[in-house]
Amino acid sequence: MFTVEVWGAQAPDTLVTFAAASGRSIVLRHGPPDNTVFAEVDIPPGALAPRDGGGLVSLSIRPLPGIYGLSLESEAALT
């Protein structure tokens, strides 16, 4: 059995707005003092389609307390 040891501040909630056609790579880090990478989320170009027909999409990323997981939310549709 391997035990995961976690200390330091939890990664914060993040809201990112970007052009859907360009895609985005988002890196979430734990807070100080360690600032280690918690998660890396890659959204390929065109993966999210704006519902209003515009070019921008917003993506909310929330770490789930107590587990190594994320909640992703967006008004945009997956394509």
N, C-alpha and C. Protein backbone atom coordinates (compact mmCIF):
# COMPACT_ATOMS: atom_id res chain seq x y z
N MET A 1 0.84 -1.17 0.00
CA MET A 1 0.00 0.00 0.00
C MET A 1 0.89 1.23 0.00
N PHE A 2 0.53 2.20 -0.84
CA PHE A 2 1.22 3.48 -0.88
C PHE A 2 0.29 4.55 -0.34
N THR A 3 0.79 5.34 0.57
CA THR A 3 0.00 6.41 1.16
C THR A 3 0.39 7.73 0.52
N VAL A 4 -0.61 8.49 0.09
CA VAL A 4 -0.34 9.81 -0.47
C VAL A 4 -0.32 10.80 0.67
N GLU A 5 0.78 11.50 0.80
CA GLU A 5 0.90 12.49 1.85
C GLU A 5 0.66 13.87 1.24
N VAL A 6 -0.28 14.60 1.79
CA VAL A 6 -0.64 15.90 1.26
C VAL A 6 -0.52 16.94 2.36
N TRP A 7 0.08 18.05 2.03
CA TRP A 7 0.15 19.17 2.97
C TRP A 7 0.11 20.45 2.17
N GLY A 8 -0.01 21.55 2.85
CA GLY A 8 -0.07 22.85 2.17
C GLY A 8 -1.49 23.20 1.78
N ALA A 9 -1.61 24.35 1.18
CA ALA A 9 -2.92 24.87 0.80
C ALA A 9 -3.48 24.13 -0.41
N GLN A 10 -4.80 24.01 -0.43
CA GLN A 10 -5.49 23.39 -1.56
C GLN A 10 -5.40 24.31 -2.78
N ALA A 11 -5.43 23.73 -3.97
CA ALA A 11 -5.46 24.53 -5.19
C ALA A 11 -6.76 25.33 -5.21
N PRO A 12 -6.71 26.60 -5.64
CA PRO A 12 -7.92 27.43 -5.62
C PRO A 12 -8.85 27.12 -6.79
N ASP A 13 -10.13 27.53 -6.65
CA ASP A 13 -11.07 27.48 -7.77
C ASP A 13 -10.56 28.43 -8.84
N THR A 14 -10.84 28.09 -10.09
CA THR A 14 -10.34 28.89 -11.21
C THR A 14 -11.44 29.05 -12.24
N LEU A 15 -11.57 30.25 -12.79
CA LEU A 15 -12.49 30.53 -13.90
C LEU A 15 -11.65 31.10 -15.03
N VAL A 16 -11.72 30.44 -16.20
CA VAL A 16 -10.93 30.84 -17.35
C VAL A 16 -11.88 31.14 -18.51
N THR A 17 -11.68 32.28 -19.18
CA THR A 17 -12.42 32.62 -20.39
C THR A 17 -11.42 32.71 -21.53
N PHE A 18 -11.73 32.03 -22.64
CA PHE A 18 -10.79 32.00 -23.76
C PHE A 18 -11.54 31.80 -25.07
N ALA A 19 -10.85 32.04 -26.17
CA ALA A 19 -11.44 31.83 -27.50
C ALA A 19 -11.56 30.33 -27.75
N ALA A 20 -12.78 29.88 -28.07
CA ALA A 20 -13.04 28.46 -28.26
C ALA A 20 -12.19 27.87 -29.39
N ALA A 21 -11.93 28.65 -30.40
CA ALA A 21 -11.18 28.17 -31.56
C ALA A 21 -9.70 27.96 -31.25
N SER A 22 -9.19 28.56 -30.17
CA SER A 22 -7.76 28.45 -29.89
C SER A 22 -7.42 27.38 -28.87
N GLY A 23 -8.38 26.93 -28.06
CA GLY A 23 -8.07 25.96 -27.02
C GLY A 23 -7.25 26.59 -25.90
N ARG A 24 -6.94 25.80 -24.89
CA ARG A 24 -6.22 26.36 -23.74
C ARG A 24 -5.63 25.23 -22.91
N SER A 25 -4.46 25.47 -22.32
CA SER A 25 -3.87 24.59 -21.31
C SER A 25 -3.89 25.35 -19.99
N ILE A 26 -4.42 24.72 -18.95
CA ILE A 26 -4.60 25.37 -17.65
C ILE A 26 -3.87 24.53 -16.60
N VAL A 27 -3.00 25.17 -15.82
CA VAL A 27 -2.26 24.48 -14.77
C VAL A 27 -2.74 25.00 -13.42
N LEU A 28 -3.24 24.11 -12.57
CA LEU A 28 -3.64 24.47 -11.21
C LEU A 28 -2.53 24.05 -10.27
N ARG A 29 -2.18 24.95 -9.37
CA ARG A 29 -1.11 24.67 -8.40
C ARG A 29 -1.65 24.78 -6.98
N HIS A 30 -1.04 24.00 -6.09
CA HIS A 30 -1.30 24.17 -4.66
C HIS A 30 -0.78 25.56 -4.28
N GLY A 31 -1.30 26.09 -3.20
CA GLY A 31 -0.85 27.40 -2.72
C GLY A 31 0.52 27.32 -2.08
N PRO A 32 1.05 28.47 -1.66
CA PRO A 32 2.34 28.52 -0.97
C PRO A 32 2.28 27.68 0.31
N PRO A 33 3.34 27.12 0.77
CA PRO A 33 4.70 27.39 0.35
C PRO A 33 5.21 26.48 -0.77
N ASP A 34 4.52 25.37 -1.08
CA ASP A 34 5.10 24.43 -2.05
C ASP A 34 4.79 24.75 -3.51
N ASN A 35 3.62 25.29 -3.82
CA ASN A 35 3.25 25.65 -5.19
C ASN A 35 3.40 24.51 -6.19
N THR A 36 3.22 23.28 -5.75
CA THR A 36 3.35 22.14 -6.66
C THR A 36 2.13 22.05 -7.58
N VAL A 37 2.32 21.42 -8.72
CA VAL A 37 1.23 21.27 -9.69
C VAL A 37 0.21 20.28 -9.13
N PHE A 38 -1.06 20.68 -9.10
CA PHE A 38 -2.15 19.82 -8.66
C PHE A 38 -2.78 19.13 -9.87
N ALA A 39 -3.01 19.88 -10.94
CA ALA A 39 -3.63 19.32 -12.14
C ALA A 39 -3.28 20.16 -13.36
N GLU A 40 -3.28 19.50 -14.50
CA GLU A 40 -3.11 20.18 -15.78
C GLU A 40 -4.29 19.78 -16.66
N VAL A 41 -5.03 20.77 -17.13
CA VAL A 41 -6.23 20.54 -17.94
C VAL A 41 -5.95 21.09 -19.33
N ASP A 42 -6.04 20.24 -20.35
CA ASP A 42 -5.83 20.66 -21.74
C ASP A 42 -7.16 20.61 -22.48
N ILE A 43 -7.57 21.76 -23.02
CA ILE A 43 -8.80 21.86 -23.81
C ILE A 43 -8.37 22.07 -25.26
N PRO A 44 -8.60 21.08 -26.14
CA PRO A 44 -8.20 21.24 -27.54
C PRO A 44 -9.02 22.32 -28.25
N PRO A 45 -8.48 22.92 -29.30
CA PRO A 45 -9.24 23.91 -30.06
C PRO A 45 -10.56 23.31 -30.57
N GLY A 46 -11.65 24.05 -30.39
CA GLY A 46 -12.96 23.60 -30.86
C GLY A 46 -13.65 22.57 -29.99
N ALA A 47 -13.07 22.20 -28.84
CA ALA A 47 -13.69 21.19 -27.97
C ALA A 47 -14.94 21.71 -27.28
N LEU A 48 -15.02 23.03 -27.08
CA LEU A 48 -16.19 23.66 -26.47
C LEU A 48 -16.81 24.62 -27.48
N ALA A 49 -18.13 24.55 -27.64
CA ALA A 49 -18.83 25.43 -28.58
C ALA A 49 -19.69 26.41 -27.79
N PRO A 50 -19.47 27.71 -27.97
CA PRO A 50 -20.27 28.71 -27.26
C PRO A 50 -21.75 28.57 -27.63
N ARG A 51 -22.62 28.61 -26.64
CA ARG A 51 -24.06 28.49 -26.89
C ARG A 51 -24.64 29.72 -27.57
N ASP A 52 -24.02 30.87 -27.36
CA ASP A 52 -24.55 32.10 -27.94
C ASP A 52 -24.01 32.37 -29.34
N GLY A 53 -23.20 31.47 -29.87
CA GLY A 53 -22.64 31.65 -31.20
C GLY A 53 -21.42 32.55 -31.23
N GLY A 54 -21.04 33.12 -30.10
CA GLY A 54 -19.85 33.98 -30.03
C GLY A 54 -18.58 33.14 -30.07
N GLY A 55 -17.46 33.78 -29.89
CA GLY A 55 -16.19 33.07 -29.97
C GLY A 55 -15.58 32.71 -28.64
N LEU A 56 -16.12 33.25 -27.52
CA LEU A 56 -15.53 33.02 -26.21
C LEU A 56 -16.30 31.97 -25.41
N VAL A 57 -15.57 31.18 -24.64
CA VAL A 57 -16.17 30.22 -23.71
C VAL A 57 -15.54 30.43 -22.34
N SER A 58 -16.29 30.09 -21.29
CA SER A 58 -15.78 30.14 -19.92
C SER A 58 -15.80 28.74 -19.34
N LEU A 59 -14.78 28.41 -18.57
CA LEU A 59 -14.67 27.11 -17.93
C LEU A 59 -14.32 27.32 -16.47
N SER A 60 -15.13 26.75 -15.58
CA SER A 60 -14.90 26.81 -14.15
C SER A 60 -14.27 25.50 -13.71
N ILE A 61 -13.17 25.58 -12.97
CA ILE A 61 -12.46 24.40 -12.48
C ILE A 61 -12.40 24.49 -10.97
N ARG A 62 -12.93 23.45 -10.30
CA ARG A 62 -12.94 23.43 -8.83
C ARG A 62 -12.34 22.11 -8.33
N PRO A 63 -11.26 22.18 -7.56
CA PRO A 63 -10.75 20.96 -6.92
C PRO A 63 -11.78 20.42 -5.93
N LEU A 64 -11.89 19.11 -5.85
CA LEU A 64 -12.82 18.47 -4.93
C LEU A 64 -12.10 18.18 -3.62
N PRO A 65 -12.59 18.73 -2.51
CA PRO A 65 -11.91 18.55 -1.22
C PRO A 65 -11.85 17.08 -0.81
N GLY A 66 -10.70 16.69 -0.30
CA GLY A 66 -10.54 15.35 0.25
C GLY A 66 -10.15 14.28 -0.76
N ILE A 67 -10.22 14.57 -2.06
CA ILE A 67 -9.81 13.61 -3.07
C ILE A 67 -9.03 14.34 -4.16
N TYR A 68 -8.28 13.59 -4.93
CA TYR A 68 -7.60 14.19 -6.07
C TYR A 68 -8.55 14.14 -7.25
N GLY A 69 -9.42 15.12 -7.33
CA GLY A 69 -10.39 15.20 -8.42
C GLY A 69 -10.74 16.64 -8.72
N LEU A 70 -11.38 16.85 -9.87
CA LEU A 70 -11.78 18.18 -10.30
C LEU A 70 -13.23 18.16 -10.75
N SER A 71 -13.88 19.29 -10.59
CA SER A 71 -15.21 19.52 -11.15
C SER A 71 -15.04 20.56 -12.25
N LEU A 72 -15.47 20.22 -13.47
CA LEU A 72 -15.40 21.15 -14.60
C LEU A 72 -16.82 21.55 -14.97
N GLU A 73 -17.06 22.85 -15.11
CA GLU A 73 -18.39 23.35 -15.47
C GLU A 73 -18.25 24.43 -16.54
N SER A 74 -19.17 24.40 -17.52
CA SER A 74 -19.17 25.41 -18.57
C SER A 74 -20.57 25.51 -19.16
N GLU A 75 -20.93 26.71 -19.61
CA GLU A 75 -22.18 26.91 -20.34
C GLU A 75 -22.04 26.39 -21.77
N ALA A 76 -20.82 26.26 -22.24
CA ALA A 76 -20.55 25.82 -23.61
C ALA A 76 -20.86 24.33 -23.75
N ALA A 77 -21.20 23.94 -24.97
CA ALA A 77 -21.48 22.53 -25.27
C ALA A 77 -20.19 21.83 -25.69
N LEU A 78 -20.05 20.55 -25.30
CA LEU A 78 -18.93 19.75 -25.77
C LEU A 78 -19.17 19.37 -27.22
N THR A 79 -18.10 19.40 -28.01
CA THR A 79 -18.25 19.03 -29.42
C THR A 79 -17.49 17.76 -29.72
